[in-house]
Amino acid sequence: MLTLQDCVDMCDFTEDEIMAFAEHEHVPEIIATELAEYLIHTPEGVPVLRRYIMEDIAIAKEDNNWEHVEKLEMVLKHFIAKHPELTK
């Protein structure tokens, strides 16, 4: 049986990115891993996944959860660094 860590190790995402996707989609982390891995290989996948993180940042700001905002901003920074096509 595969563990969550096994799945994270086989995909193109960090554990923090997977947690952000799971939070946004309100699904277990293992499902978020599958969803994100599928999306990343579609033409609209990278912008969609970036938007998910940005929406979570906005929600955390509305909730005044600044620690979570900080963490999500680091996740976004890392995601954008891995996907330079976002800046084109």
N, C-alpha and C. Protein backbone atom coordinates (compact mmCIF):
# COMPACT_ATOMS: atom_id res chain seq x y z
N MET A 1 0.84 -1.17 0.00
CA MET A 1 0.00 0.00 0.00
C MET A 1 0.89 1.24 0.00
N LEU A 2 0.51 2.23 -0.80
CA LEU A 2 1.25 3.48 -0.85
C LEU A 2 0.81 4.41 0.28
N THR A 3 1.78 5.09 0.84
CA THR A 3 1.48 6.08 1.86
C THR A 3 1.41 7.46 1.20
N LEU A 4 0.92 8.43 1.94
CA LEU A 4 0.91 9.80 1.44
C LEU A 4 2.32 10.23 1.07
N GLN A 5 3.28 9.92 1.90
CA GLN A 5 4.66 10.31 1.61
C GLN A 5 5.16 9.67 0.33
N ASP A 6 4.81 8.41 0.08
CA ASP A 6 5.18 7.75 -1.18
C ASP A 6 4.64 8.54 -2.37
N CYS A 7 3.38 8.95 -2.28
CA CYS A 7 2.75 9.70 -3.37
C CYS A 7 3.38 11.07 -3.55
N VAL A 8 3.66 11.75 -2.46
CA VAL A 8 4.32 13.07 -2.53
C VAL A 8 5.69 12.92 -3.18
N ASP A 9 6.42 11.87 -2.81
CA ASP A 9 7.75 11.64 -3.37
C ASP A 9 7.71 11.38 -4.87
N MET A 10 6.61 10.86 -5.37
CA MET A 10 6.50 10.53 -6.80
C MET A 10 5.91 11.67 -7.64
N CYS A 11 5.49 12.74 -7.01
CA CYS A 11 4.85 13.80 -7.79
C CYS A 11 5.74 15.04 -7.87
N ASP A 12 5.24 16.06 -8.52
CA ASP A 12 6.00 17.28 -8.78
C ASP A 12 5.77 18.36 -7.73
N PHE A 13 5.37 17.98 -6.52
CA PHE A 13 4.98 18.96 -5.52
C PHE A 13 5.65 18.68 -4.19
N THR A 14 5.76 19.75 -3.40
CA THR A 14 6.22 19.59 -2.03
C THR A 14 5.03 19.21 -1.15
N GLU A 15 5.32 18.75 0.01
CA GLU A 15 4.25 18.41 0.95
C GLU A 15 3.41 19.65 1.29
N ASP A 16 4.07 20.79 1.45
CA ASP A 16 3.33 22.02 1.76
C ASP A 16 2.40 22.42 0.62
N GLU A 17 2.85 22.23 -0.62
CA GLU A 17 1.97 22.53 -1.76
C GLU A 17 0.76 21.61 -1.75
N ILE A 18 0.99 20.34 -1.47
CA ILE A 18 -0.12 19.38 -1.41
C ILE A 18 -1.09 19.78 -0.30
N MET A 19 -0.58 20.19 0.85
CA MET A 19 -1.45 20.61 1.95
C MET A 19 -2.29 21.83 1.55
N ALA A 20 -1.68 22.75 0.81
CA ALA A 20 -2.42 23.93 0.35
C ALA A 20 -3.53 23.52 -0.62
N PHE A 21 -3.24 22.60 -1.53
CA PHE A 21 -4.25 22.14 -2.48
C PHE A 21 -5.37 21.41 -1.75
N ALA A 22 -5.01 20.60 -0.77
CA ALA A 22 -6.02 19.87 0.01
C ALA A 22 -6.92 20.84 0.76
N GLU A 23 -6.31 21.87 1.33
CA GLU A 23 -7.09 22.89 2.04
C GLU A 23 -8.07 23.57 1.10
N HIS A 24 -7.59 23.94 -0.06
CA HIS A 24 -8.44 24.67 -1.01
C HIS A 24 -9.60 23.82 -1.50
N GLU A 25 -9.33 22.57 -1.80
CA GLU A 25 -10.35 21.68 -2.36
C GLU A 25 -11.15 20.93 -1.30
N HIS A 26 -10.77 21.08 -0.04
CA HIS A 26 -11.46 20.41 1.07
C HIS A 26 -11.50 18.89 0.86
N VAL A 27 -10.32 18.36 0.51
CA VAL A 27 -10.19 16.92 0.30
C VAL A 27 -8.99 16.41 1.09
N PRO A 28 -8.93 15.11 1.34
CA PRO A 28 -7.75 14.54 2.01
C PRO A 28 -6.49 14.78 1.16
N GLU A 29 -5.36 14.80 1.82
CA GLU A 29 -4.09 15.08 1.15
C GLU A 29 -3.81 14.11 0.01
N ILE A 30 -4.14 12.85 0.18
CA ILE A 30 -3.87 11.87 -0.87
C ILE A 30 -4.67 12.19 -2.13
N ILE A 31 -5.88 12.66 -1.98
CA ILE A 31 -6.71 13.06 -3.12
C ILE A 31 -6.13 14.33 -3.74
N ALA A 32 -5.69 15.26 -2.91
CA ALA A 32 -5.07 16.49 -3.41
C ALA A 32 -3.82 16.18 -4.22
N THR A 33 -3.07 15.19 -3.80
CA THR A 33 -1.87 14.79 -4.53
C THR A 33 -2.25 14.33 -5.94
N GLU A 34 -3.26 13.49 -6.02
CA GLU A 34 -3.70 12.99 -7.32
C GLU A 34 -4.24 14.11 -8.19
N LEU A 35 -5.06 14.97 -7.61
CA LEU A 35 -5.65 16.09 -8.35
C LEU A 35 -4.56 17.04 -8.87
N ALA A 36 -3.65 17.41 -8.00
CA ALA A 36 -2.59 18.34 -8.39
C ALA A 36 -1.69 17.73 -9.46
N GLU A 37 -1.37 16.47 -9.31
CA GLU A 37 -0.51 15.80 -10.30
C GLU A 37 -1.22 15.73 -11.66
N TYR A 38 -2.50 15.50 -11.65
CA TYR A 38 -3.27 15.51 -12.90
C TYR A 38 -3.27 16.93 -13.51
N LEU A 39 -3.62 17.92 -12.68
CA LEU A 39 -3.74 19.29 -13.19
C LEU A 39 -2.44 19.84 -13.75
N ILE A 40 -1.33 19.51 -13.12
CA ILE A 40 -0.05 20.08 -13.53
C ILE A 40 0.31 19.70 -14.97
N HIS A 41 -0.28 18.61 -15.44
CA HIS A 41 0.01 18.13 -16.79
C HIS A 41 -1.05 18.54 -17.81
N THR A 42 -1.89 19.49 -17.43
CA THR A 42 -2.87 20.03 -18.37
C THR A 42 -2.46 21.46 -18.71
N PRO A 43 -2.91 21.99 -19.84
CA PRO A 43 -2.51 23.36 -20.23
C PRO A 43 -2.88 24.42 -19.19
N GLU A 44 -4.00 24.27 -18.54
CA GLU A 44 -4.44 25.28 -17.57
C GLU A 44 -4.01 24.95 -16.14
N GLY A 45 -3.33 23.85 -15.93
CA GLY A 45 -3.02 23.37 -14.59
C GLY A 45 -2.19 24.29 -13.72
N VAL A 46 -1.10 24.80 -14.24
CA VAL A 46 -0.22 25.65 -13.43
C VAL A 46 -0.95 26.92 -12.97
N PRO A 47 -1.62 27.65 -13.88
CA PRO A 47 -2.35 28.84 -13.41
C PRO A 47 -3.47 28.51 -12.42
N VAL A 48 -4.14 27.39 -12.61
CA VAL A 48 -5.21 27.00 -11.69
C VAL A 48 -4.64 26.72 -10.31
N LEU A 49 -3.56 25.98 -10.25
CA LEU A 49 -2.96 25.65 -8.96
C LEU A 49 -2.42 26.90 -8.27
N ARG A 50 -1.86 27.82 -9.05
CA ARG A 50 -1.40 29.09 -8.46
C ARG A 50 -2.60 29.86 -7.88
N ARG A 51 -3.70 29.89 -8.62
CA ARG A 51 -4.89 30.58 -8.15
C ARG A 51 -5.41 29.96 -6.85
N TYR A 52 -5.36 28.64 -6.73
CA TYR A 52 -5.79 27.98 -5.49
C TYR A 52 -5.01 28.53 -4.30
N ILE A 53 -3.70 28.60 -4.45
CA ILE A 53 -2.86 29.07 -3.35
C ILE A 53 -3.20 30.53 -3.03
N MET A 54 -3.36 31.34 -4.07
CA MET A 54 -3.66 32.76 -3.87
C MET A 54 -5.02 32.95 -3.18
N GLU A 55 -5.99 32.13 -3.53
CA GLU A 55 -7.31 32.21 -2.89
C GLU A 55 -7.20 31.83 -1.41
N ASP A 56 -6.39 30.81 -1.11
CA ASP A 56 -6.20 30.42 0.29
C ASP A 56 -5.51 31.53 1.09
N ILE A 57 -4.58 32.23 0.45
CA ILE A 57 -3.91 33.36 1.11
C ILE A 57 -4.95 34.43 1.44
N ALA A 58 -5.82 34.73 0.49
CA ALA A 58 -6.85 35.75 0.72
C ALA A 58 -7.77 35.36 1.87
N ILE A 59 -8.15 34.10 1.94
CA ILE A 59 -9.02 33.62 3.02
C ILE A 59 -8.29 33.73 4.36
N ALA A 60 -7.03 33.34 4.38
CA ALA A 60 -6.26 33.43 5.63
C ALA A 60 -6.12 34.89 6.09
N LYS A 61 -5.98 35.81 5.14
CA LYS A 61 -5.91 37.23 5.48
C LYS A 61 -7.24 37.70 6.06
N GLU A 62 -8.34 37.30 5.45
CA GLU A 62 -9.67 37.68 5.95
C GLU A 62 -9.88 37.18 7.38
N ASP A 63 -9.30 36.00 7.66
CA ASP A 63 -9.42 35.40 8.99
C ASP A 63 -8.37 35.93 9.97
N ASN A 64 -7.53 36.86 9.50
CA ASN A 64 -6.42 37.38 10.31
C ASN A 64 -5.51 36.28 10.83
N ASN A 65 -5.34 35.24 10.01
CA ASN A 65 -4.46 34.12 10.36
C ASN A 65 -3.11 34.37 9.70
N TRP A 66 -2.34 35.28 10.29
CA TRP A 66 -1.11 35.76 9.66
C TRP A 66 -0.02 34.69 9.60
N GLU A 67 -0.02 33.79 10.53
CA GLU A 67 0.96 32.69 10.47
C GLU A 67 0.70 31.82 9.24
N HIS A 68 -0.57 31.55 8.98
CA HIS A 68 -0.94 30.75 7.82
C HIS A 68 -0.68 31.53 6.52
N VAL A 69 -0.93 32.83 6.54
CA VAL A 69 -0.63 33.67 5.38
C VAL A 69 0.84 33.55 5.04
N GLU A 70 1.69 33.66 6.04
CA GLU A 70 3.13 33.57 5.83
C GLU A 70 3.51 32.24 5.21
N LYS A 71 2.96 31.16 5.75
CA LYS A 71 3.28 29.82 5.23
C LYS A 71 2.81 29.69 3.78
N LEU A 72 1.59 30.13 3.50
CA LEU A 72 1.07 30.01 2.14
C LEU A 72 1.83 30.90 1.16
N GLU A 73 2.29 32.06 1.62
CA GLU A 73 3.09 32.91 0.75
C GLU A 73 4.41 32.25 0.39
N MET A 74 4.98 31.51 1.33
CA MET A 74 6.21 30.75 1.03
C MET A 74 5.91 29.63 0.04
N VAL A 75 4.78 28.97 0.21
CA VAL A 75 4.37 27.92 -0.73
C VAL A 75 4.21 28.52 -2.12
N LEU A 76 3.55 29.67 -2.21
CA LEU A 76 3.34 30.33 -3.50
C LEU A 76 4.68 30.73 -4.13
N LYS A 77 5.56 31.27 -3.33
CA LYS A 77 6.89 31.68 -3.83
C LYS A 77 7.62 30.48 -4.41
N HIS A 78 7.60 29.37 -3.71
CA HIS A 78 8.26 28.15 -4.17
C HIS A 78 7.60 27.63 -5.45
N PHE A 79 6.27 27.64 -5.48
CA PHE A 79 5.53 27.15 -6.65
C PHE A 79 5.87 27.98 -7.89
N ILE A 80 5.90 29.30 -7.73
CA ILE A 80 6.22 30.18 -8.86
C ILE A 80 7.67 29.97 -9.32
N ALA A 81 8.57 29.76 -8.37
CA ALA A 81 9.97 29.51 -8.73
C ALA A 81 10.12 28.23 -9.54
N LYS A 82 9.30 27.23 -9.23
CA LYS A 82 9.35 25.96 -9.97
C LYS A 82 8.67 26.07 -11.33
N HIS A 83 7.84 27.08 -11.50
CA HIS A 83 7.06 27.23 -12.73
C HIS A 83 7.25 28.64 -13.29
N PRO A 84 8.44 28.89 -13.88
CA PRO A 84 8.73 30.23 -14.38
C PRO A 84 7.79 30.67 -15.51
N GLU A 85 7.09 29.75 -16.12
CA GLU A 85 6.14 30.12 -17.17
C GLU A 85 5.02 30.99 -16.64
N LEU A 86 4.85 31.05 -15.33
CA LEU A 86 3.83 31.89 -14.73
C LEU A 86 4.14 33.38 -14.90
N THR A 87 5.40 33.71 -15.06
CA THR A 87 5.79 35.11 -15.16
C THR A 87 5.79 35.62 -16.60
N LYS A 88 5.47 34.77 -17.54
CA LYS A 88 5.46 35.18 -18.96
C LYS A 88 4.17 35.82 -19.33
